[in-house]
């Protein structure tokens, strides 16, 4: 969810930064802005466990989360809409505070994101996150999906899905 919130902020900031309000994008020329970032590192302290009480409860598996990602962001202005597409892929690891829990590395994730703002200032946002954690037999899998349709100045459709499989 933290990436989704960040992309939503980036999307609307880009609209204002480039001076392309959604209503004006309908009249502007077609333009594309592409940004690629490689080996971006994010480090964060964590205190929770996706498996909840099964994994030992809040705080037991606290430690340091380290993520290295590669991404591709494309902002496109069409005659009738403004579109942002962002795809992130990467690996992450955990350095647990508890020395009895072995540290892990090499977890993988993918996270495509898209946002469209049309000439009526309506917004469509979609975010999908899929994490692959090692384990037996198939490891832990985390799916997170978010969809928001903003119409006439208010949320019209909002859906959130979260699923975890493979917890011990």
N, C-alpha and C. Protein backbone atom coordinates (compact mmCIF):
# COMPACT_ATOMS: atom_id res chain seq x y z
N UNK A 1 0.82 -1.19 0.00
CA UNK A 1 0.00 0.00 0.00
C UNK A 1 0.86 1.25 0.00
N UNK A 2 2.05 1.18 0.60
CA UNK A 2 2.87 2.37 0.66
C UNK A 2 3.28 2.80 -0.74
N UNK A 3 3.53 1.85 -1.66
CA UNK A 3 3.88 2.22 -3.02
C UNK A 3 2.69 2.82 -3.74
N UNK A 4 1.49 2.27 -3.50
CA UNK A 4 0.29 2.80 -4.13
C UNK A 4 0.09 4.25 -3.74
N UNK A 5 0.19 4.52 -2.43
CA UNK A 5 0.01 5.90 -1.98
C UNK A 5 1.04 6.82 -2.62
N UNK A 6 2.27 6.34 -2.72
CA UNK A 6 3.34 7.16 -3.30
C UNK A 6 3.05 7.44 -4.78
N UNK A 7 2.58 6.43 -5.54
CA UNK A 7 2.30 6.66 -6.95
C UNK A 7 1.11 7.59 -7.14
N UNK A 8 0.12 7.52 -6.28
CA UNK A 8 -1.01 8.43 -6.37
C UNK A 8 -0.52 9.86 -6.18
N UNK A 9 0.32 10.08 -5.19
CA UNK A 9 0.88 11.40 -4.94
C UNK A 9 1.72 11.86 -6.14
N UNK A 10 2.55 10.97 -6.66
CA UNK A 10 3.40 11.32 -7.82
C UNK A 10 2.54 11.68 -9.03
N UNK A 11 1.46 10.91 -9.24
CA UNK A 11 0.59 11.17 -10.39
C UNK A 11 0.02 12.57 -10.34
N UNK A 12 -0.58 12.92 -9.21
CA UNK A 12 -1.20 14.23 -9.12
C UNK A 12 -0.16 15.35 -9.05
N UNK A 13 0.99 15.09 -8.47
CA UNK A 13 2.06 16.09 -8.45
C UNK A 13 2.56 16.34 -9.87
N UNK A 14 2.66 15.28 -10.67
CA UNK A 14 3.13 15.42 -12.05
C UNK A 14 2.15 16.27 -12.87
N UNK A 15 0.87 16.07 -12.65
CA UNK A 15 -0.13 16.87 -13.36
C UNK A 15 0.09 18.34 -13.07
N UNK A 16 0.31 18.68 -11.80
CA UNK A 16 0.52 20.08 -11.44
C UNK A 16 1.90 20.58 -11.85
N UNK A 17 2.93 19.75 -11.68
CA UNK A 17 4.30 20.15 -11.98
C UNK A 17 4.47 20.49 -13.46
N UNK A 18 3.89 19.67 -14.33
CA UNK A 18 4.06 19.90 -15.76
C UNK A 18 3.02 20.88 -16.30
N UNK A 19 2.21 21.42 -15.39
CA UNK A 19 1.23 22.42 -15.82
C UNK A 19 0.17 21.85 -16.73
N UNK A 20 -0.15 20.59 -16.53
CA UNK A 20 -1.12 19.94 -17.39
C UNK A 20 -2.31 19.50 -16.54
N UNK A 21 -3.20 20.41 -16.16
CA UNK A 21 -4.38 19.96 -15.44
C UNK A 21 -5.15 19.01 -16.35
N UNK A 22 -5.85 18.07 -15.76
CA UNK A 22 -6.53 17.04 -16.53
C UNK A 22 -7.45 17.65 -17.58
N UNK A 23 -8.16 18.72 -17.24
CA UNK A 23 -9.08 19.32 -18.20
C UNK A 23 -8.33 19.96 -19.38
N UNK A 24 -7.12 20.45 -19.14
CA UNK A 24 -6.34 21.05 -20.22
C UNK A 24 -5.64 19.99 -21.06
N UNK A 25 -5.43 18.81 -20.49
CA UNK A 25 -4.74 17.74 -21.24
C UNK A 25 -5.53 17.36 -22.48
N UNK A 26 -6.84 17.54 -22.45
CA UNK A 26 -7.66 17.19 -23.59
C UNK A 26 -7.33 18.05 -24.80
N UNK A 27 -6.86 19.29 -24.59
CA UNK A 27 -6.57 20.20 -25.68
C UNK A 27 -5.10 20.24 -26.06
N UNK A 28 -4.24 19.64 -25.25
CA UNK A 28 -2.82 19.73 -25.50
C UNK A 28 -2.31 18.72 -26.50
N UNK A 29 -1.07 18.90 -26.93
CA UNK A 29 -0.47 17.94 -27.86
C UNK A 29 -0.14 16.63 -27.15
N UNK A 30 0.06 15.59 -27.92
CA UNK A 30 0.47 14.31 -27.36
C UNK A 30 1.92 14.44 -26.91
N UNK A 31 2.18 14.02 -25.69
CA UNK A 31 3.52 14.13 -25.11
C UNK A 31 3.79 12.89 -24.27
N UNK A 32 5.07 12.43 -24.27
CA UNK A 32 5.44 11.27 -23.45
C UNK A 32 6.67 11.62 -22.64
N UNK A 33 6.62 11.22 -21.38
CA UNK A 33 7.76 11.39 -20.47
C UNK A 33 8.05 10.02 -19.90
N UNK A 34 9.29 9.55 -20.07
CA UNK A 34 9.66 8.23 -19.59
C UNK A 34 10.79 8.36 -18.58
N UNK A 35 10.63 7.68 -17.47
CA UNK A 35 11.67 7.67 -16.43
C UNK A 35 11.98 6.22 -16.08
N UNK A 36 13.25 5.90 -16.06
CA UNK A 36 13.66 4.56 -15.66
C UNK A 36 14.58 4.71 -14.45
N UNK A 37 14.38 3.87 -13.48
CA UNK A 37 15.28 3.89 -12.34
C UNK A 37 15.70 2.46 -12.03
N UNK A 38 16.97 2.31 -11.80
CA UNK A 38 17.55 0.99 -11.59
C UNK A 38 18.26 0.95 -10.24
N UNK A 39 18.07 -0.15 -9.57
CA UNK A 39 18.76 -0.41 -8.32
C UNK A 39 18.48 0.66 -7.26
N UNK A 40 17.25 1.12 -7.18
CA UNK A 40 16.84 2.04 -6.13
C UNK A 40 16.73 1.27 -4.82
N UNK A 41 17.35 1.77 -3.77
CA UNK A 41 17.34 1.06 -2.49
C UNK A 41 16.45 1.78 -1.48
N UNK A 42 15.60 0.98 -0.81
CA UNK A 42 14.72 1.50 0.23
C UNK A 42 14.95 0.66 1.48
N UNK A 43 15.19 1.31 2.62
CA UNK A 43 15.42 0.60 3.88
C UNK A 43 14.40 1.11 4.89
N UNK A 44 13.76 0.17 5.61
CA UNK A 44 12.69 0.54 6.53
C UNK A 44 12.68 -0.41 7.73
N UNK A 45 12.44 0.14 8.92
CA UNK A 45 12.28 -0.70 10.12
C UNK A 45 10.86 -1.24 10.13
N UNK A 46 10.70 -2.54 10.43
CA UNK A 46 9.38 -3.17 10.46
C UNK A 46 9.12 -3.79 11.83
N UNK A 47 7.84 -3.81 12.21
CA UNK A 47 7.47 -4.39 13.51
C UNK A 47 6.35 -5.41 13.37
N UNK A 48 5.92 -5.70 12.16
CA UNK A 48 4.80 -6.62 11.99
C UNK A 48 5.19 -7.82 11.13
N UNK A 49 4.30 -8.79 11.08
CA UNK A 49 4.52 -10.02 10.34
C UNK A 49 3.25 -10.29 9.54
N UNK A 50 3.39 -10.51 8.24
CA UNK A 50 2.22 -10.74 7.39
C UNK A 50 1.42 -11.95 7.83
N UNK A 51 2.05 -12.91 8.51
CA UNK A 51 1.35 -14.10 8.98
C UNK A 51 0.69 -13.89 10.34
N UNK A 52 0.80 -12.70 10.91
CA UNK A 52 0.12 -12.36 12.16
C UNK A 52 0.56 -13.22 13.32
N UNK A 53 -0.41 -13.65 14.12
CA UNK A 53 -0.12 -14.46 15.31
C UNK A 53 0.54 -15.78 14.96
N UNK A 54 0.24 -16.31 13.76
CA UNK A 54 0.85 -17.57 13.33
C UNK A 54 2.37 -17.42 13.28
N UNK A 55 2.84 -16.24 12.85
CA UNK A 55 4.26 -16.00 12.75
C UNK A 55 4.89 -15.58 14.07
N UNK A 56 4.14 -15.58 15.16
CA UNK A 56 4.71 -15.25 16.46
C UNK A 56 4.13 -13.99 17.07
N UNK A 57 3.32 -13.26 16.32
CA UNK A 57 2.68 -12.08 16.89
C UNK A 57 3.44 -10.80 16.59
N UNK A 58 2.78 -9.69 16.85
CA UNK A 58 3.32 -8.36 16.59
C UNK A 58 4.63 -8.14 17.34
N UNK A 59 5.66 -7.71 16.64
CA UNK A 59 6.92 -7.38 17.26
C UNK A 59 7.93 -8.50 17.29
N UNK A 60 7.47 -9.78 17.28
CA UNK A 60 8.43 -10.88 17.36
C UNK A 60 9.35 -10.90 16.15
N UNK A 61 8.80 -10.65 14.99
CA UNK A 61 9.60 -10.69 13.77
C UNK A 61 9.98 -9.29 13.30
N UNK A 62 10.20 -8.39 14.23
CA UNK A 62 10.63 -7.04 13.84
C UNK A 62 12.07 -7.08 13.36
N UNK A 63 12.42 -6.09 12.58
CA UNK A 63 13.77 -6.04 12.04
C UNK A 63 13.89 -4.95 11.00
N UNK A 64 14.83 -5.15 10.06
CA UNK A 64 15.08 -4.17 9.01
C UNK A 64 14.74 -4.78 7.66
N UNK A 65 13.91 -4.07 6.92
CA UNK A 65 13.47 -4.47 5.58
C UNK A 65 14.32 -3.69 4.58
N UNK A 66 14.89 -4.37 3.61
CA UNK A 66 15.71 -3.72 2.58
C UNK A 66 15.19 -4.15 1.22
N UNK A 67 14.89 -3.19 0.37
CA UNK A 67 14.37 -3.48 -0.95
C UNK A 67 15.23 -2.81 -2.01
N UNK A 68 15.51 -3.54 -3.07
CA UNK A 68 16.21 -2.99 -4.22
C UNK A 68 15.29 -3.20 -5.42
N UNK A 69 14.89 -2.10 -6.06
CA UNK A 69 13.92 -2.23 -7.14
C UNK A 69 14.39 -1.57 -8.42
N UNK A 70 13.82 -2.03 -9.51
CA UNK A 70 14.02 -1.45 -10.83
C UNK A 70 12.64 -1.09 -11.34
N UNK A 71 12.50 0.09 -11.87
CA UNK A 71 11.18 0.52 -12.31
C UNK A 71 11.21 1.28 -13.62
N UNK A 72 10.03 1.42 -14.17
CA UNK A 72 9.82 2.12 -15.43
C UNK A 72 8.53 2.91 -15.30
N UNK A 73 8.59 4.20 -15.43
CA UNK A 73 7.42 5.06 -15.33
C UNK A 73 7.23 5.79 -16.65
N UNK A 74 6.01 5.77 -17.17
CA UNK A 74 5.71 6.47 -18.41
C UNK A 74 4.49 7.36 -18.18
N UNK A 75 4.64 8.65 -18.47
CA UNK A 75 3.54 9.61 -18.38
C UNK A 75 3.21 10.01 -19.81
N UNK A 76 1.95 9.84 -20.19
CA UNK A 76 1.53 10.14 -21.55
C UNK A 76 0.33 11.07 -21.51
N UNK A 77 0.38 12.10 -22.34
CA UNK A 77 -0.74 13.02 -22.48
C UNK A 77 -1.36 12.78 -23.85
N UNK A 78 -2.62 12.34 -23.83
CA UNK A 78 -3.37 12.15 -25.07
C UNK A 78 -4.28 13.35 -25.27
N UNK A 79 -5.03 13.37 -26.36
CA UNK A 79 -5.95 14.48 -26.59
C UNK A 79 -7.07 14.51 -25.56
N UNK A 80 -7.44 13.33 -25.04
CA UNK A 80 -8.59 13.30 -24.14
C UNK A 80 -8.29 12.76 -22.75
N UNK A 81 -7.00 12.49 -22.44
CA UNK A 81 -6.69 11.96 -21.12
C UNK A 81 -5.19 12.09 -20.82
N UNK A 82 -4.88 11.94 -19.56
CA UNK A 82 -3.52 11.96 -19.03
C UNK A 82 -3.32 10.60 -18.38
N UNK A 83 -2.24 9.89 -18.70
CA UNK A 83 -2.05 8.53 -18.21
C UNK A 83 -0.67 8.36 -17.60
N UNK A 84 -0.62 7.66 -16.45
CA UNK A 84 0.65 7.30 -15.81
C UNK A 84 0.66 5.79 -15.66
N UNK A 85 1.74 5.17 -16.13
CA UNK A 85 1.93 3.73 -15.95
C UNK A 85 3.28 3.55 -15.28
N UNK A 86 3.30 2.77 -14.21
CA UNK A 86 4.53 2.53 -13.46
C UNK A 86 4.62 1.04 -13.17
N UNK A 87 5.74 0.43 -13.49
CA UNK A 87 5.95 -0.99 -13.22
C UNK A 87 7.22 -1.12 -12.40
N UNK A 88 7.11 -1.74 -11.24
CA UNK A 88 8.24 -1.95 -10.34
C UNK A 88 8.47 -3.44 -10.16
N UNK A 89 9.72 -3.85 -10.21
CA UNK A 89 10.11 -5.22 -9.91
C UNK A 89 11.33 -5.14 -9.01
N UNK A 90 11.47 -6.11 -8.12
CA UNK A 90 12.64 -6.04 -7.27
C UNK A 90 12.79 -7.23 -6.36
N UNK A 91 13.78 -7.11 -5.51
CA UNK A 91 14.04 -8.13 -4.50
C UNK A 91 14.09 -7.43 -3.15
N UNK A 92 13.79 -8.20 -2.10
CA UNK A 92 13.89 -7.62 -0.77
C UNK A 92 14.35 -8.67 0.21
N UNK A 93 14.82 -8.18 1.35
CA UNK A 93 15.34 -9.08 2.39
C UNK A 93 14.93 -8.55 3.75
N UNK A 94 15.01 -9.43 4.76
CA UNK A 94 14.72 -9.06 6.14
C UNK A 94 15.92 -9.43 7.02
N UNK A 95 16.33 -8.49 7.85
CA UNK A 95 17.33 -8.72 8.88
C UNK A 95 16.58 -8.65 10.20
N UNK A 96 16.20 -9.82 10.75
CA UNK A 96 15.38 -9.85 11.96
C UNK A 96 16.18 -9.43 13.18
N UNK A 97 15.52 -8.70 14.09
CA UNK A 97 16.16 -8.29 15.34
C UNK A 97 16.48 -9.49 16.22
N UNK A 98 15.63 -10.49 16.22
CA UNK A 98 15.82 -11.69 17.03
C UNK A 98 16.87 -12.58 16.37
N UNK A 99 18.03 -12.79 17.02
CA UNK A 99 19.08 -13.58 16.41
C UNK A 99 18.70 -15.06 16.22
N UNK A 100 17.65 -15.53 16.91
CA UNK A 100 17.25 -16.93 16.74
C UNK A 100 16.45 -17.14 15.45
N UNK A 101 16.01 -16.04 14.81
CA UNK A 101 15.29 -16.15 13.53
C UNK A 101 16.30 -15.86 12.42
N UNK A 102 16.52 -16.83 11.53
CA UNK A 102 17.50 -16.61 10.46
C UNK A 102 17.07 -15.49 9.51
N UNK A 103 18.01 -14.64 9.15
CA UNK A 103 17.75 -13.58 8.19
C UNK A 103 17.50 -14.23 6.82
N UNK A 104 16.74 -13.53 5.99
CA UNK A 104 16.41 -14.07 4.67
C UNK A 104 16.66 -13.00 3.61
N UNK A 105 16.93 -13.46 2.40
CA UNK A 105 17.13 -12.53 1.30
C UNK A 105 16.67 -13.19 0.01
N UNK A 106 16.51 -12.39 -1.01
CA UNK A 106 16.13 -12.90 -2.32
C UNK A 106 14.64 -12.99 -2.56
N UNK A 107 13.82 -12.42 -1.69
CA UNK A 107 12.38 -12.38 -1.94
C UNK A 107 12.14 -11.54 -3.19
N UNK A 108 11.13 -11.88 -3.96
CA UNK A 108 10.83 -11.15 -5.20
C UNK A 108 9.44 -10.54 -5.13
N UNK A 109 9.24 -9.46 -5.86
CA UNK A 109 7.91 -8.85 -5.96
C UNK A 109 7.76 -8.15 -7.30
N UNK A 110 6.51 -7.95 -7.72
CA UNK A 110 6.20 -7.14 -8.89
C UNK A 110 5.01 -6.26 -8.52
N UNK A 111 4.99 -5.05 -9.07
CA UNK A 111 3.96 -4.10 -8.68
C UNK A 111 3.63 -3.14 -9.83
N UNK A 112 2.72 -3.53 -10.74
CA UNK A 112 2.30 -2.58 -11.77
C UNK A 112 1.26 -1.61 -11.23
N UNK A 113 1.30 -0.37 -11.72
CA UNK A 113 0.40 0.70 -11.29
C UNK A 113 -0.02 1.48 -12.52
N UNK A 114 -1.28 1.88 -12.59
CA UNK A 114 -1.70 2.78 -13.67
C UNK A 114 -2.71 3.79 -13.13
N UNK A 115 -2.69 4.97 -13.72
CA UNK A 115 -3.65 6.02 -13.38
C UNK A 115 -4.01 6.74 -14.67
N UNK A 116 -5.29 7.00 -14.85
CA UNK A 116 -5.77 7.73 -16.01
C UNK A 116 -6.66 8.87 -15.51
N UNK A 117 -6.40 10.09 -15.98
CA UNK A 117 -7.24 11.24 -15.68
C UNK A 117 -7.79 11.72 -17.01
N UNK A 118 -9.12 11.70 -17.17
CA UNK A 118 -9.67 12.10 -18.46
C UNK A 118 -10.04 13.58 -18.48
N UNK A 119 -10.57 14.02 -19.63
CA UNK A 119 -10.86 15.45 -19.80
C UNK A 119 -11.92 15.98 -18.85
N UNK A 120 -12.71 15.10 -18.23
CA UNK A 120 -13.71 15.52 -17.26
C UNK A 120 -13.18 15.48 -15.84
N UNK A 121 -11.89 15.32 -15.67
CA UNK A 121 -11.22 15.20 -14.37
C UNK A 121 -11.64 13.94 -13.61
N UNK A 122 -12.15 12.94 -14.33
CA UNK A 122 -12.42 11.65 -13.71
C UNK A 122 -11.12 10.87 -13.65
N UNK A 123 -10.96 10.04 -12.63
CA UNK A 123 -9.69 9.35 -12.38
C UNK A 123 -9.94 7.85 -12.26
N UNK A 124 -9.05 7.05 -12.83
CA UNK A 124 -9.08 5.61 -12.69
C UNK A 124 -7.69 5.18 -12.22
N UNK A 125 -7.60 4.54 -11.06
CA UNK A 125 -6.32 4.11 -10.49
C UNK A 125 -6.37 2.61 -10.23
N UNK A 126 -5.35 1.89 -10.65
CA UNK A 126 -5.25 0.46 -10.40
C UNK A 126 -3.84 0.15 -9.91
N UNK A 127 -3.74 -0.62 -8.84
CA UNK A 127 -2.44 -1.03 -8.27
C UNK A 127 -2.52 -2.52 -7.97
N UNK A 128 -1.50 -3.27 -8.36
CA UNK A 128 -1.42 -4.70 -8.05
C UNK A 128 -0.04 -4.97 -7.46
N UNK A 129 0.01 -5.72 -6.38
CA UNK A 129 1.28 -6.10 -5.77
C UNK A 129 1.27 -7.60 -5.56
N UNK A 130 2.35 -8.27 -5.95
CA UNK A 130 2.48 -9.71 -5.75
C UNK A 130 3.89 -9.97 -5.22
N UNK A 131 3.95 -10.54 -4.03
CA UNK A 131 5.24 -10.87 -3.41
C UNK A 131 5.39 -12.39 -3.34
N UNK A 132 6.62 -12.85 -3.54
CA UNK A 132 6.94 -14.27 -3.54
C UNK A 132 7.99 -14.52 -2.45
N UNK A 133 7.60 -15.18 -1.38
CA UNK A 133 8.54 -15.44 -0.28
C UNK A 133 8.88 -16.92 -0.26
N UNK A 134 10.15 -17.26 -0.04
CA UNK A 134 10.54 -18.66 -0.05
C UNK A 134 9.93 -19.43 1.12
N UNK A 135 9.83 -20.72 0.96
CA UNK A 135 9.30 -21.58 2.02
C UNK A 135 8.89 -22.92 1.46
N UNK A 136 8.38 -23.77 2.32
CA UNK A 136 8.00 -25.11 1.91
C UNK A 136 6.51 -25.27 2.07
N UNK A 137 5.76 -25.86 1.16
CA UNK A 137 6.24 -26.38 -0.12
C UNK A 137 6.36 -25.30 -1.20
N UNK A 138 5.46 -24.31 -1.20
CA UNK A 138 5.48 -23.29 -2.26
C UNK A 138 5.82 -21.90 -1.75
N UNK A 139 6.14 -21.77 -0.49
CA UNK A 139 6.46 -20.47 0.08
C UNK A 139 5.22 -19.66 0.41
N UNK A 140 5.44 -18.46 0.85
CA UNK A 140 4.34 -17.54 1.20
C UNK A 140 4.11 -16.64 -0.01
N UNK A 141 2.87 -16.47 -0.38
CA UNK A 141 2.50 -15.60 -1.49
C UNK A 141 1.59 -14.51 -0.95
N UNK A 142 1.85 -13.28 -1.35
CA UNK A 142 1.04 -12.14 -0.92
C UNK A 142 0.50 -11.45 -2.18
N UNK A 143 -0.83 -11.28 -2.21
CA UNK A 143 -1.48 -10.56 -3.29
C UNK A 143 -2.19 -9.36 -2.70
N UNK A 144 -2.02 -8.22 -3.34
CA UNK A 144 -2.71 -7.02 -2.92
C UNK A 144 -3.15 -6.29 -4.17
N UNK A 145 -4.42 -5.95 -4.25
CA UNK A 145 -4.95 -5.24 -5.41
C UNK A 145 -5.80 -4.07 -4.91
N UNK A 146 -5.70 -2.95 -5.64
CA UNK A 146 -6.47 -1.76 -5.28
C UNK A 146 -6.99 -1.13 -6.57
N UNK A 147 -8.24 -0.72 -6.54
CA UNK A 147 -8.85 -0.05 -7.69
C UNK A 147 -9.69 1.12 -7.18
N UNK A 148 -9.54 2.27 -7.82
CA UNK A 148 -10.32 3.45 -7.48
C UNK A 148 -10.78 4.12 -8.76
N UNK A 149 -12.06 4.37 -8.86
CA UNK A 149 -12.61 5.19 -9.93
C UNK A 149 -13.20 6.43 -9.26
N UNK A 150 -12.70 7.59 -9.65
CA UNK A 150 -13.14 8.87 -9.09
C UNK A 150 -13.94 9.56 -10.19
N UNK A 151 -15.21 9.85 -9.92
CA UNK A 151 -16.09 10.42 -10.94
C UNK A 151 -16.87 11.58 -10.35
N UNK A 152 -16.94 12.66 -11.08
CA UNK A 152 -17.69 13.84 -10.65
C UNK A 152 -17.29 14.32 -9.26
N UNK A 153 -15.99 14.28 -8.97
CA UNK A 153 -15.46 14.83 -7.72
C UNK A 153 -15.58 13.95 -6.50
N UNK A 154 -15.94 12.67 -6.66
CA UNK A 154 -16.03 11.78 -5.50
C UNK A 154 -15.77 10.33 -5.92
N UNK A 155 -15.39 9.50 -4.94
CA UNK A 155 -15.14 8.08 -5.27
C UNK A 155 -16.42 7.43 -5.80
N UNK A 156 -16.31 6.78 -6.94
CA UNK A 156 -17.44 6.12 -7.58
C UNK A 156 -17.36 4.60 -7.35
N UNK A 157 -16.16 4.06 -7.51
CA UNK A 157 -15.90 2.64 -7.25
C UNK A 157 -14.57 2.55 -6.51
N UNK A 158 -14.54 1.83 -5.41
CA UNK A 158 -13.28 1.60 -4.70
C UNK A 158 -13.28 0.16 -4.22
N UNK A 159 -12.25 -0.58 -4.61
CA UNK A 159 -12.13 -1.99 -4.22
C UNK A 159 -10.72 -2.26 -3.71
N UNK A 160 -10.65 -3.10 -2.70
CA UNK A 160 -9.36 -3.49 -2.13
C UNK A 160 -9.40 -4.99 -1.87
N UNK A 161 -8.36 -5.68 -2.27
CA UNK A 161 -8.26 -7.13 -2.08
C UNK A 161 -6.88 -7.43 -1.49
N UNK A 162 -6.84 -8.27 -0.46
CA UNK A 162 -5.58 -8.66 0.17
C UNK A 162 -5.68 -10.13 0.50
N UNK A 163 -4.68 -10.91 0.11
CA UNK A 163 -4.69 -12.35 0.38
C UNK A 163 -3.27 -12.81 0.65
N UNK A 164 -3.12 -13.69 1.65
CA UNK A 164 -1.84 -14.30 1.98
C UNK A 164 -2.05 -15.80 2.02
N UNK A 165 -1.17 -16.55 1.36
CA UNK A 165 -1.22 -18.01 1.43
C UNK A 165 0.16 -18.53 1.82
N UNK A 166 0.20 -19.73 2.42
CA UNK A 166 1.46 -20.39 2.72
C UNK A 166 2.04 -20.11 4.09
N UNK A 167 1.30 -19.41 4.98
CA UNK A 167 1.83 -19.15 6.33
C UNK A 167 1.96 -20.47 7.09
N UNK A 168 2.96 -20.56 7.95
CA UNK A 168 3.16 -21.82 8.69
C UNK A 168 2.00 -22.11 9.63
